Amino acid sequence: MGKISTGLVVFLLIFCCSMSPSLAAGPFDHRSIKKDIQSLSTKQSATTLDNTPFTVLKEKMKSIKKDNGMRLMGEVYEQEPNDYPHQADYIRLDDIVLGTFWWEEDLDMYHLYMDETQDTYIYGTTLTTLNNLGYLLFTPEGEPIYPDEFLEDGSDKLLIYYSLPPGSYYLAATDLNEFGGDGVYGLTAFTGEEPTDNVYRIYGKDRHETAIEISKVGWPDGAETVVLARDTTFPDALAGAPLAYQKDAPILLNPKDHLHDKVKERIAELGAENVIILGGKGAISPNVEKQLKTNGINVLRIGGVTRYETAANIARELGDYEQAVIAYGGNFPDALSIAPYAASNGIPILLSPKDALADETKEALKTVTDTIIVGGKSVISDQVEKQLSQTNPVRISGTDRYETSVHIAEHLEMPGDIITVATGQNFADALTGSVLAAKYYEPIILVEKKSVPKPVRNFISEHGTWYFTILGGEGAVSEKVAGELNGL
């Protein structure tokens, strides 16, 4: 996303109506919110705003895919219901939000987190003049935050907040014309600072701290529940992303025999009351469970005699489902590549050996009408596919794990303009980052430590990818790869 140049800011301010920043008390009810939005003083500018941000928004809105079930976070397609703060869709600076006014009184809310004080610009526009987009920032307490400057030109609007403090905010949007009619609108928030690159790396000194840093990005306001997985083995945790997403819980990694000090500290910081342990006592010992309970945490363990039973038990915890993912239980890449899609759509990930479905998996498939097999015939054989014949199996695969991750994103029509990148050679970072990617409906695309595979390069080129979130430090994804991504 292009930023406002200094000249453009000066140009816009000539036409702006200056306003003193102020707060007005008010609860989070729709009438109050709409009244606050309508109270913005407006001053029409005779100059047409044809700059890059509006142009990008207009083009995105023209190509929007209407699908009630689709939540494309990153290029953010709103997901209803999002009428109240607890339903708000998470967005980040530079996200392109594409929403729809499904009915006349529709009000949509987005959760925006600022990690430092900075000037913030919020653009908004509608596809047609039948709708009149109104929007405003609110504090978590429901108080409106009026902008320092406001510009309106037809359906194009700009709110400017100078030195907006760090913290959580809610961006509320409504149709001031009360027309609704499935009208499409676009919003984007960004800072006035020029970007240094289009790569954002989340990392810590090891896999435990990387998971913690991921939780800070995705759950800045805390979480009631944390999912705890073993740090050195993947089988029990492979199927955990959909459950973690359902619980709005970060995944943290822990050793077998004791509660890691940093993990203990992060659970306290999150204010978590519940911890879900993935795996049996051989994965995470009863001593860890005891330490958690001593700290006043409610503990639920989901495990099984085998990885297949653990995955089936996780699926049972999700509740009713009619679709399932079938992934190879002997390795991690394919299951983790589809995890963001499965998680955000409430689809369990079930595991299978190469040549025959496990009994536990068969049992978990009794209510399933559709399955997605991830991986080629070398990991999930034709025989397994035949066993799934009553569940309309669809196979997604590639020549290797990197191409498979690309094909998953393409086949499932996940957005390609903003993606999450992880190493294909270790499970830890992709596992803990899968729920974060699901929150923003971004695909996880796998790369090698020191190079960007050709299928990934092609994907980036074809989809116009412009922003990358890298999971893990340079030991997982080298600075050379980060530089390649930044230059593509």
Protein backbone atom coordinates (compact mmCIF):
# COMPACT_ATOMS: atom_id res chain seq x y z
CA MET A 1 0.00 0.00 0.00
CA GLY A 2 1.42 3.34 -1.00
CA LYS A 3 1.72 5.93 1.73
CA ILE A 4 0.69 9.58 1.56
CA SER A 5 3.57 11.70 0.37
CA THR A 6 4.42 14.86 2.24
CA GLY A 7 3.14 16.96 -0.64
CA LEU A 8 -0.16 15.15 -0.74
CA VAL A 9 -0.64 15.58 3.00
CA VAL A 10 -0.10 19.33 2.66
CA PHE A 11 -2.48 19.41 -0.31
CA LEU A 12 -5.18 17.53 1.60
CA LEU A 13 -4.82 19.69 4.69
CA ILE A 14 -5.60 22.82 2.66
CA PHE A 15 -9.10 21.45 2.20
CA CYS A 16 -9.45 19.91 5.64
CA CYS A 17 -11.62 21.14 8.42
CA SER A 18 -9.56 21.37 11.58
CA MET A 19 -11.05 19.73 14.65
CA SER A 20 -9.83 19.49 18.21
CA PRO A 21 -9.36 15.87 19.24
CA SER A 22 -11.89 15.01 21.89
CA LEU A 23 -13.63 12.11 23.54
CA ALA A 24 -17.35 11.86 24.17
CA ALA A 25 -18.72 9.31 26.58
CA GLY A 26 -21.17 6.78 25.17
CA PRO A 27 -21.98 3.09 25.38
CA PHE A 28 -21.45 0.56 22.59
CA ASP A 29 -25.01 0.67 21.27
CA HIS A 30 -25.77 1.13 17.60
CA ARG A 31 -27.80 4.31 17.89
CA SER A 32 -25.08 5.99 19.91
CA ILE A 33 -22.34 4.84 17.52
CA LYS A 34 -24.23 6.07 14.44
CA LYS A 35 -24.94 9.40 16.12
CA ASP A 36 -21.23 9.80 16.88
CA ILE A 37 -20.30 9.01 13.27
CA GLN A 38 -22.92 11.40 11.90
CA SER A 39 -21.66 14.17 14.19
CA LEU A 40 -18.42 14.48 12.23
CA SER A 41 -18.27 17.96 10.74
CA THR A 42 -17.84 17.71 6.98
CA LYS A 43 -16.45 20.10 4.45
CA GLN A 44 -16.72 19.22 0.79
CA SER A 45 -13.62 19.68 -1.32
CA ALA A 46 -13.96 20.65 -4.95
CA THR A 47 -10.89 18.57 -5.74
CA THR A 48 -11.35 14.97 -6.82
CA LEU A 49 -9.23 12.55 -4.84
CA ASP A 50 -7.69 10.27 -7.42
CA ASN A 51 -4.59 9.23 -5.50
CA THR A 52 -3.28 5.70 -5.19
CA PRO A 53 -5.06 4.56 -1.99
CA PHE A 54 -8.51 5.34 -3.38
CA THR A 55 -7.65 3.86 -6.76
CA VAL A 56 -6.49 0.61 -5.13
CA LEU A 57 -9.63 0.43 -3.00
CA LYS A 58 -11.91 1.01 -6.00
CA GLU A 59 -10.19 -1.69 -8.04
CA LYS A 60 -10.35 -4.15 -5.15
CA MET A 61 -14.06 -3.48 -4.67
CA LYS A 62 -14.82 -4.00 -8.35
CA SER A 63 -13.29 -7.49 -8.19
CA ILE A 64 -14.78 -8.50 -4.84
CA LYS A 65 -16.09 -12.07 -4.67
CA LYS A 66 -19.46 -12.20 -2.97
CA ASP A 67 -19.49 -15.18 -0.63
CA ASN A 68 -21.07 -15.15 2.80
CA GLY A 69 -18.74 -17.88 3.99
CA MET A 70 -15.54 -16.24 2.84
CA ARG A 71 -13.30 -14.38 5.25
CA LEU A 72 -10.21 -13.14 3.43
CA MET A 73 -8.21 -11.44 6.13
CA GLY A 74 -5.17 -9.58 4.86
CA GLU A 75 -7.16 -8.39 1.97
CA VAL A 76 -9.89 -8.31 4.57
CA TYR A 77 -13.33 -9.49 3.53
CA GLU A 78 -15.51 -8.79 6.56
CA GLN A 79 -17.17 -11.71 8.24
CA GLU A 80 -20.67 -11.29 9.62
CA PRO A 81 -21.71 -11.05 12.31
CA ASN A 82 -19.31 -8.28 13.29
CA ASP A 83 -21.79 -5.84 14.80
CA TYR A 84 -20.27 -5.60 18.29
CA PRO A 85 -16.76 -5.44 19.78
CA HIS A 86 -16.65 -9.13 20.75
CA GLN A 87 -17.48 -10.00 17.12
CA ALA A 88 -15.07 -7.50 15.55
CA ASP A 89 -12.86 -8.65 12.67
CA TYR A 90 -9.17 -8.18 13.40
CA ILE A 91 -7.32 -5.84 11.06
CA ARG A 92 -3.81 -4.42 10.89
CA LEU A 93 -2.31 -1.24 9.55
CA ASP A 94 -2.09 -1.44 5.74
CA ASP A 95 -4.84 -4.08 5.48
CA ILE A 96 -7.36 -3.43 2.73
CA VAL A 97 -10.80 -3.93 4.28
CA LEU A 98 -13.59 -4.83 1.88
CA GLY A 99 -17.03 -4.89 3.45
CA THR A 100 -20.68 -5.11 2.48
CA PHE A 101 -23.74 -3.32 3.86
CA TRP A 102 -26.06 -6.32 3.86
CA TRP A 103 -29.03 -4.34 5.16
CA GLU A 104 -30.02 -0.73 5.85
CA GLU A 105 -29.04 -0.70 9.52
CA ASP A 106 -25.86 -2.74 9.11
CA LEU A 107 -22.98 -1.66 11.35
CA ASP A 108 -19.60 -3.36 11.05
CA MET A 109 -16.79 -3.31 13.61
CA TYR A 110 -13.07 -3.95 13.21
CA HIS A 111 -10.41 -4.34 15.88
CA LEU A 112 -7.23 -2.35 15.22
CA TYR A 113 -4.15 -2.48 17.45
CA MET A 114 -1.45 0.22 17.50
CA ASP A 115 1.89 -0.74 19.04
CA GLU A 116 3.32 2.79 19.21
CA THR A 117 2.28 6.43 19.02
CA GLN A 118 2.06 7.52 15.40
CA ASP A 119 0.11 9.65 12.94
CA THR A 120 -2.65 7.50 11.48
CA TYR A 121 -4.66 7.99 8.29
CA ILE A 122 -7.91 6.14 7.59
CA TYR A 123 -9.27 6.17 4.03
CA GLY A 124 -12.76 5.03 3.18
CA THR A 125 -14.86 4.88 0.03
CA THR A 126 -17.89 3.14 -1.49
CA LEU A 127 -18.41 1.48 -4.83
CA THR A 128 -21.57 3.46 -5.63
CA THR A 129 -23.12 6.72 -4.45
CA LEU A 130 -26.20 4.84 -3.25
CA ASN A 131 -24.24 4.12 -0.07
CA ASN A 132 -22.59 6.78 2.08
CA LEU A 133 -19.82 5.27 4.20
CA GLY A 134 -19.44 6.72 7.66
CA TYR A 135 -16.76 5.48 10.03
CA LEU A 136 -14.99 6.45 13.25
CA LEU A 137 -12.56 5.09 15.83
CA PHE A 138 -13.75 4.14 19.31
CA THR A 139 -11.94 3.22 22.52
CA PRO A 140 -12.52 -0.22 24.08
CA GLU A 141 -14.82 1.59 26.52
CA GLY A 142 -17.06 2.77 23.68
CA GLU A 143 -15.94 6.40 23.57
CA PRO A 144 -15.69 7.96 20.10
CA ILE A 145 -12.32 9.38 19.09
CA TYR A 146 -12.80 12.27 16.70
CA PRO A 147 -10.04 12.95 14.16
CA ASP A 148 -7.78 15.97 14.16
CA GLU A 149 -8.54 16.51 10.49
CA PHE A 150 -11.37 15.31 8.26
CA LEU A 151 -11.78 15.48 4.49
CA GLU A 152 -14.76 14.39 2.43
CA ASP A 153 -15.07 14.40 -1.34
CA GLY A 154 -18.12 12.57 -2.60
CA SER A 155 -17.84 8.95 -1.49
CA ASP A 156 -14.13 9.33 -0.65
CA LYS A 157 -13.20 10.25 2.91
CA LEU A 158 -10.06 10.68 4.97
CA LEU A 159 -9.71 10.79 8.76
CA ILE A 160 -6.36 11.98 10.13
CA TYR A 161 -5.30 11.27 13.72
CA TYR A 162 -2.08 12.93 14.86
CA SER A 163 -0.01 11.09 17.47
CA LEU A 164 -2.59 8.37 18.05
CA PRO A 165 -1.44 6.58 21.24
CA PRO A 166 -0.68 2.85 21.30
CA GLY A 167 -3.44 0.46 22.27
CA SER A 168 -6.58 -1.23 20.98
CA TYR A 169 -9.23 0.59 18.97
CA TYR A 170 -12.50 -0.31 17.31
CA LEU A 171 -13.26 1.03 13.85
CA ALA A 172 -17.02 1.20 13.30
CA ALA A 173 -18.50 1.56 9.80
CA THR A 174 -22.09 2.18 8.74
CA ASP A 175 -24.14 3.34 5.74
CA LEU A 176 -25.25 6.88 6.55
CA ASN A 177 -27.75 6.69 3.67
CA GLU A 178 -29.29 3.59 5.26
CA PHE A 179 -29.64 2.09 1.81
CA GLY A 180 -27.81 -1.20 2.39
CA GLY A 181 -28.52 -3.19 -0.76
CA ASP A 182 -25.32 -5.27 -0.52
CA GLY A 183 -23.36 -2.09 -1.16
CA VAL A 184 -19.60 -2.57 -1.10
CA TYR A 185 -17.23 -0.31 0.83
CA GLY A 186 -13.49 -0.16 1.34
CA LEU A 187 -11.36 0.98 4.28
CA THR A 188 -7.64 1.12 4.94
CA ALA A 189 -5.64 2.51 7.85
CA PHE A 190 -1.96 3.35 7.66
CA THR A 191 0.68 5.60 9.17
CA GLY A 192 2.25 8.68 7.66
CA GLU A 193 5.70 7.09 7.80
CA GLU A 194 7.32 5.76 4.67
CA PRO A 195 7.70 1.97 4.80
CA THR A 196 11.23 0.58 4.88
CA ASP A 197 10.20 -2.76 3.38
CA ASN A 198 7.27 -5.07 2.88
CA VAL A 199 8.51 -7.86 5.12
CA TYR A 200 7.55 -8.26 8.78
CA ARG A 201 9.38 -10.90 10.80
CA ILE A 202 8.01 -12.35 14.05
CA TYR A 203 10.67 -14.17 16.00
CA GLY A 204 12.31 -14.93 19.32
CA LYS A 205 15.64 -16.44 20.31
CA ASP A 206 14.14 -19.95 20.15
CA ARG A 207 10.88 -21.69 19.24
CA HIS A 208 9.39 -21.04 22.69
CA GLU A 209 9.96 -17.30 22.45
CA THR A 210 8.90 -17.15 18.79
CA ALA A 211 5.56 -18.65 19.82
CA ILE A 212 5.33 -16.07 22.58
CA GLU A 213 6.07 -13.22 20.16
CA ILE A 214 3.40 -14.56 17.79
CA SER A 215 0.93 -14.50 20.68
CA LYS A 216 1.80 -10.87 21.38
CA VAL A 217 1.01 -9.92 17.79
CA GLY A 218 -2.23 -11.88 17.58
CA TRP A 219 -3.54 -11.46 21.12
CA PRO A 220 -2.33 -8.05 22.36
CA ASP A 221 -5.31 -7.70 24.70
CA GLY A 222 -4.97 -11.15 26.23
CA ALA A 223 -6.77 -14.46 25.84
CA GLU A 224 -8.99 -16.55 28.09
CA THR A 225 -7.54 -19.78 26.74
CA VAL A 226 -4.07 -20.96 25.70
CA VAL A 227 -3.30 -24.13 23.77
CA LEU A 228 -0.11 -25.85 24.92
CA ALA A 229 1.80 -28.20 22.59
CA ARG A 230 5.04 -30.14 22.86
CA ASP A 231 8.05 -28.19 21.63
CA THR A 232 10.12 -30.92 19.99
CA THR A 233 7.56 -33.21 18.31
CA PHE A 234 4.70 -32.39 16.00
CA PRO A 235 2.16 -35.29 15.83
CA ASP A 236 -0.17 -34.33 18.68
CA ALA A 237 -0.19 -30.66 17.72
CA LEU A 238 -0.80 -31.05 13.97
CA ALA A 239 -4.56 -31.06 14.37
CA GLY A 240 -4.66 -28.30 16.99
CA ALA A 241 -5.08 -25.15 14.89
CA PRO A 242 -8.86 -25.40 14.30
CA LEU A 243 -9.53 -25.86 18.01
CA ALA A 244 -7.17 -23.02 18.97
CA TYR A 245 -8.90 -20.75 16.45
CA GLN A 246 -12.34 -21.72 17.76
CA LYS A 247 -11.21 -20.83 21.29
CA ASP A 248 -9.43 -17.66 20.08
CA ALA A 249 -6.34 -19.09 21.76
CA PRO A 250 -2.66 -18.74 20.90
CA ILE A 251 -0.56 -21.89 20.67
CA LEU A 252 2.47 -21.92 22.96
CA LEU A 253 5.23 -24.55 22.99
CA ASN A 254 6.48 -26.28 26.10
CA PRO A 255 9.02 -28.97 27.09
CA LYS A 256 7.79 -32.36 28.27
CA ASP A 257 8.61 -32.31 31.98
CA HIS A 258 8.30 -28.77 33.32
CA LEU A 259 6.46 -25.52 32.65
CA HIS A 260 8.84 -23.25 30.76
CA ASP A 261 9.45 -20.01 32.70
CA LYS A 262 8.74 -17.79 29.71
CA VAL A 263 5.58 -19.74 28.87
CA LYS A 264 4.39 -19.44 32.46
CA GLU A 265 5.04 -15.70 32.34
CA ARG A 266 3.18 -15.30 29.03
CA ILE A 267 0.14 -17.24 30.24
CA ALA A 268 -0.04 -14.81 33.18
CA GLU A 269 0.37 -11.79 30.89
CA LEU A 270 -2.48 -13.02 28.68
CA GLY A 271 -4.71 -13.37 31.73
CA ALA A 272 -5.59 -16.88 30.59
CA GLU A 273 -7.90 -18.91 32.80
CA ASN A 274 -7.80 -22.09 30.74
CA VAL A 275 -5.06 -24.17 29.15
CA ILE A 276 -5.72 -26.96 26.66
CA ILE A 277 -2.86 -29.47 26.53
CA LEU A 278 -2.51 -31.32 23.24
CA GLY A 279 -1.22 -34.85 23.60
CA GLY A 280 -0.96 -37.51 26.25
CA LYS A 281 1.31 -37.71 29.27
CA GLY A 282 4.16 -38.89 27.07
CA ALA A 283 4.06 -35.56 25.22
CA ILE A 284 3.53 -33.18 28.15
CA SER A 285 3.90 -34.70 31.58
CA PRO A 286 1.47 -34.57 34.54
CA ASN A 287 4.01 -32.32 36.28
CA VAL A 288 3.29 -29.54 33.77
CA GLU A 289 -0.42 -30.02 34.33
CA LYS A 290 0.14 -29.84 38.10
CA GLN A 291 2.15 -26.60 37.80
CA LEU A 292 -0.61 -25.01 35.76
CA LYS A 293 -3.30 -26.02 38.25
CA THR A 294 -1.17 -24.71 41.12
CA ASN A 295 -1.26 -21.33 39.35
CA GLY A 296 -5.06 -21.41 39.32
CA ILE A 297 -5.42 -22.48 35.68
CA ASN A 298 -8.19 -24.79 34.50
CA VAL A 299 -6.56 -27.57 32.47
CA LEU A 300 -8.10 -29.75 29.75
CA ARG A 301 -5.95 -32.44 28.21
CA ILE A 302 -6.83 -33.80 24.77
CA GLY A 303 -4.76 -36.81 23.89
CA GLY A 304 -4.92 -40.36 22.70
CA VAL A 305 -2.97 -43.58 22.48
CA THR A 306 -1.86 -42.59 18.96
CA ARG A 307 -1.59 -39.37 16.97
CA TYR A 308 -4.64 -40.49 15.00
CA GLU A 309 -6.72 -40.83 18.13
CA THR A 310 -5.50 -37.46 19.40
CA ALA A 311 -6.56 -35.79 16.14
CA ALA A 312 -9.96 -37.52 16.30
CA ASN A 313 -10.45 -36.37 19.90
CA ILE A 314 -9.57 -32.79 18.95
CA ALA A 315 -12.15 -33.00 16.15
CA ARG A 316 -14.74 -34.21 18.66
CA GLU A 317 -13.97 -31.20 20.86
CA LEU A 318 -14.73 -28.90 17.90
CA GLY A 319 -18.36 -30.03 17.81
CA ASP A 320 -20.45 -30.88 14.76
CA TYR A 321 -18.74 -30.92 11.37
CA GLU A 322 -19.52 -32.25 7.89
CA GLN A 323 -16.18 -31.58 6.22
CA ALA A 324 -12.70 -32.76 7.19
CA VAL A 325 -9.10 -32.48 6.07
CA ILE A 326 -7.11 -35.71 5.73
CA ALA A 327 -3.36 -35.21 6.17
CA TYR A 328 -0.41 -37.55 6.48
CA GLY A 329 0.38 -38.21 10.13
CA GLY A 330 4.05 -39.01 9.54
CA ASN A 331 5.14 -35.50 8.63
CA PHE A 332 4.06 -31.91 9.21
CA PRO A 333 4.23 -29.69 6.06
CA ASP A 334 0.92 -30.49 4.37
CA ALA A 335 -1.18 -30.34 7.54
CA LEU A 336 0.32 -27.01 8.57
CA SER A 337 -0.07 -25.50 5.09
CA ILE A 338 -3.83 -26.07 5.17
CA ALA A 339 -4.19 -25.21 8.87
CA PRO A 340 -5.19 -21.52 8.39
CA TYR A 341 -7.96 -22.47 5.95
CA ALA A 342 -9.18 -25.37 8.08
CA ALA A 343 -9.07 -23.31 11.27
CA SER A 344 -10.94 -20.29 9.95
CA ASN A 345 -13.65 -22.52 8.45
CA GLY A 346 -14.07 -24.79 11.47
CA ILE A 347 -12.85 -27.89 9.61
CA PRO A 348 -11.03 -30.53 11.67
CA ILE A 349 -7.70 -31.94 10.53
CA LEU A 350 -7.64 -35.73 10.77
CA LEU A 351 -4.47 -37.75 10.32
CA SER A 352 -3.82 -40.91 8.36
CA PRO A 353 -1.00 -43.36 7.70
CA LYS A 354 -0.01 -43.74 4.08
CA ASP A 355 -1.86 -46.92 3.11
CA ALA A 356 -4.98 -47.27 5.27
CA LEU A 357 -7.21 -45.11 7.45
CA ALA A 358 -6.79 -45.63 11.18
CA ASP A 359 -9.88 -46.91 13.00
CA GLU A 360 -10.03 -43.71 15.06
CA THR A 361 -10.07 -41.64 11.86
CA LYS A 362 -12.85 -43.79 10.37
CA GLU A 363 -14.93 -43.18 13.47
CA ALA A 364 -14.32 -39.42 13.27
CA LEU A 365 -15.48 -39.44 9.64
CA LYS A 366 -18.95 -40.88 10.29
CA THR A 367 -20.74 -37.53 9.92
CA VAL A 368 -18.50 -36.20 7.13
CA THR A 369 -19.81 -35.67 3.60
CA ASP A 370 -16.77 -33.96 2.06
CA THR A 371 -13.02 -34.40 2.56
CA ILE A 372 -9.89 -32.63 1.39
CA ILE A 373 -6.79 -34.80 1.06
CA VAL A 374 -3.57 -32.81 1.32
CA GLY A 375 -0.44 -34.33 -0.14
CA GLY A 376 0.42 -36.62 -3.02
CA LYS A 377 0.04 -40.38 -3.35
CA SER A 378 3.46 -40.94 -1.81
CA VAL A 379 2.05 -39.81 1.56
CA ILE A 380 -1.70 -40.58 1.21
CA SER A 381 -2.16 -43.53 -1.14
CA ASP A 382 -4.87 -44.32 -3.66
CA GLN A 383 -6.09 -46.96 -1.22
CA VAL A 384 -6.86 -44.32 1.40
CA GLU A 385 -8.59 -42.21 -1.22
CA LYS A 386 -10.77 -45.22 -2.12
CA GLN A 387 -11.65 -45.64 1.54
CA LEU A 388 -12.85 -42.03 1.48
CA SER A 389 -15.00 -42.52 -1.63
CA GLN A 390 -18.24 -41.85 0.28
CA THR A 391 -16.94 -38.45 1.39
CA ASN A 392 -16.34 -36.84 -2.04
CA PRO A 393 -12.56 -36.60 -1.60
CA VAL A 394 -10.64 -33.82 -3.32
CA ARG A 395 -6.86 -34.11 -3.38
CA ILE A 396 -4.55 -31.09 -3.29
CA SER A 397 -0.88 -31.84 -3.88
CA GLY A 398 2.32 -30.71 -5.56
CA THR A 399 5.69 -32.09 -6.52
CA ASP A 400 7.03 -31.17 -3.06
CA ARG A 401 5.94 -29.50 0.17
CA TYR A 402 6.58 -26.02 -1.24
CA GLU A 403 4.44 -26.48 -4.34
CA THR A 404 1.78 -28.20 -2.22
CA SER A 405 1.53 -25.15 0.02
CA VAL A 406 1.06 -23.00 -3.07
CA HIS A 407 -1.56 -25.33 -4.55
CA ILE A 408 -3.49 -25.33 -1.27
CA ALA A 409 -3.70 -21.52 -1.33
CA GLU A 410 -4.71 -21.49 -4.99
CA HIS A 411 -7.21 -24.35 -4.94
CA LEU A 412 -8.96 -22.99 -1.84
CA GLU A 413 -8.93 -19.46 -3.28
CA MET A 414 -7.12 -17.92 -0.35
CA PRO A 415 -5.84 -14.38 -0.92
CA GLY A 416 -2.39 -14.01 -2.35
CA ASP A 417 -1.62 -10.33 -1.88
CA ILE A 418 -0.62 -10.72 1.79
CA ILE A 419 0.84 -14.03 2.91
CA THR A 420 2.48 -15.70 5.89
CA VAL A 421 5.83 -17.38 5.21
CA ALA A 422 7.42 -20.18 7.22
CA THR A 423 10.23 -22.67 6.80
CA GLY A 424 9.23 -25.98 5.26
CA GLN A 425 12.00 -27.76 7.16
CA ASN A 426 10.67 -27.52 10.72
CA PHE A 427 7.21 -27.53 12.23
CA ALA A 428 7.43 -25.20 15.22
CA ASP A 429 6.99 -21.74 13.69
CA ALA A 430 4.29 -22.74 11.20
CA LEU A 431 2.39 -24.53 13.97
CA THR A 432 2.30 -21.59 16.37
CA GLY A 433 1.76 -19.12 13.52
CA SER A 434 -1.09 -21.06 11.92
CA VAL A 435 -3.74 -19.57 14.20
CA LEU A 436 -2.40 -16.06 13.65
CA ALA A 437 -2.56 -16.62 9.88
CA ALA A 438 -6.11 -17.94 10.30
CA LYS A 439 -7.15 -14.77 12.17
CA TYR A 440 -6.20 -12.76 9.07
CA TYR A 441 -7.15 -15.51 6.58
CA GLU A 442 -3.67 -15.57 5.13
CA PRO A 443 -2.20 -18.70 3.56
CA ILE A 444 0.97 -20.18 5.00
CA ILE A 445 3.44 -20.54 2.14
CA LEU A 446 6.53 -22.64 2.81
CA VAL A 447 10.05 -21.67 1.77
CA GLU A 448 13.51 -23.14 2.16
CA LYS A 449 15.86 -21.62 4.69
CA LYS A 450 18.15 -20.03 2.09
CA SER A 451 16.01 -19.76 -1.03
CA VAL A 452 12.53 -19.05 -2.35
CA PRO A 453 11.36 -22.11 -4.34
CA LYS A 454 10.26 -21.51 -7.92
CA PRO A 455 6.57 -22.39 -7.30
CA VAL A 456 6.51 -19.79 -4.53
CA ARG A 457 8.12 -17.19 -6.78
CA ASN A 458 5.51 -17.89 -9.43
CA PHE A 459 2.69 -17.62 -6.88
CA ILE A 460 3.98 -14.25 -5.67
CA SER A 461 4.27 -12.96 -9.23
CA GLU A 462 0.84 -14.17 -10.32
CA HIS A 463 -0.98 -12.88 -7.23
CA GLY A 464 0.82 -9.57 -6.85
CA THR A 465 1.91 -10.38 -3.30
CA TRP A 466 3.09 -7.16 -1.69
CA TYR A 467 3.40 -7.99 2.01
CA PHE A 468 5.00 -10.92 3.83
CA THR A 469 4.88 -12.00 7.47
CA ILE A 470 7.84 -14.27 8.19
CA LEU A 471 7.53 -16.67 11.10
CA GLY A 472 10.80 -17.37 12.88
CA GLY A 473 14.32 -15.97 13.03
CA GLU A 474 17.16 -16.19 10.56
CA GLY A 475 17.89 -19.74 11.65
CA ALA A 476 14.56 -20.74 10.12
CA VAL A 477 14.16 -18.26 7.24
CA SER A 478 17.40 -16.51 6.32
CA GLU A 479 17.83 -12.80 5.76
CA LYS A 480 18.69 -13.71 2.18
CA VAL A 481 15.17 -15.09 1.69
CA ALA A 482 13.68 -12.02 3.42
CA GLY A 483 15.61 -9.84 0.99
CA GLU A 484 14.39 -11.89 -1.98
CA LEU A 485 10.80 -11.55 -0.85
CA ASN A 486 11.23 -7.82 -0.32
CA GLY A 487 12.53 -7.45 -3.84
CA LEU A 488 9.92 -9.54 -5.64
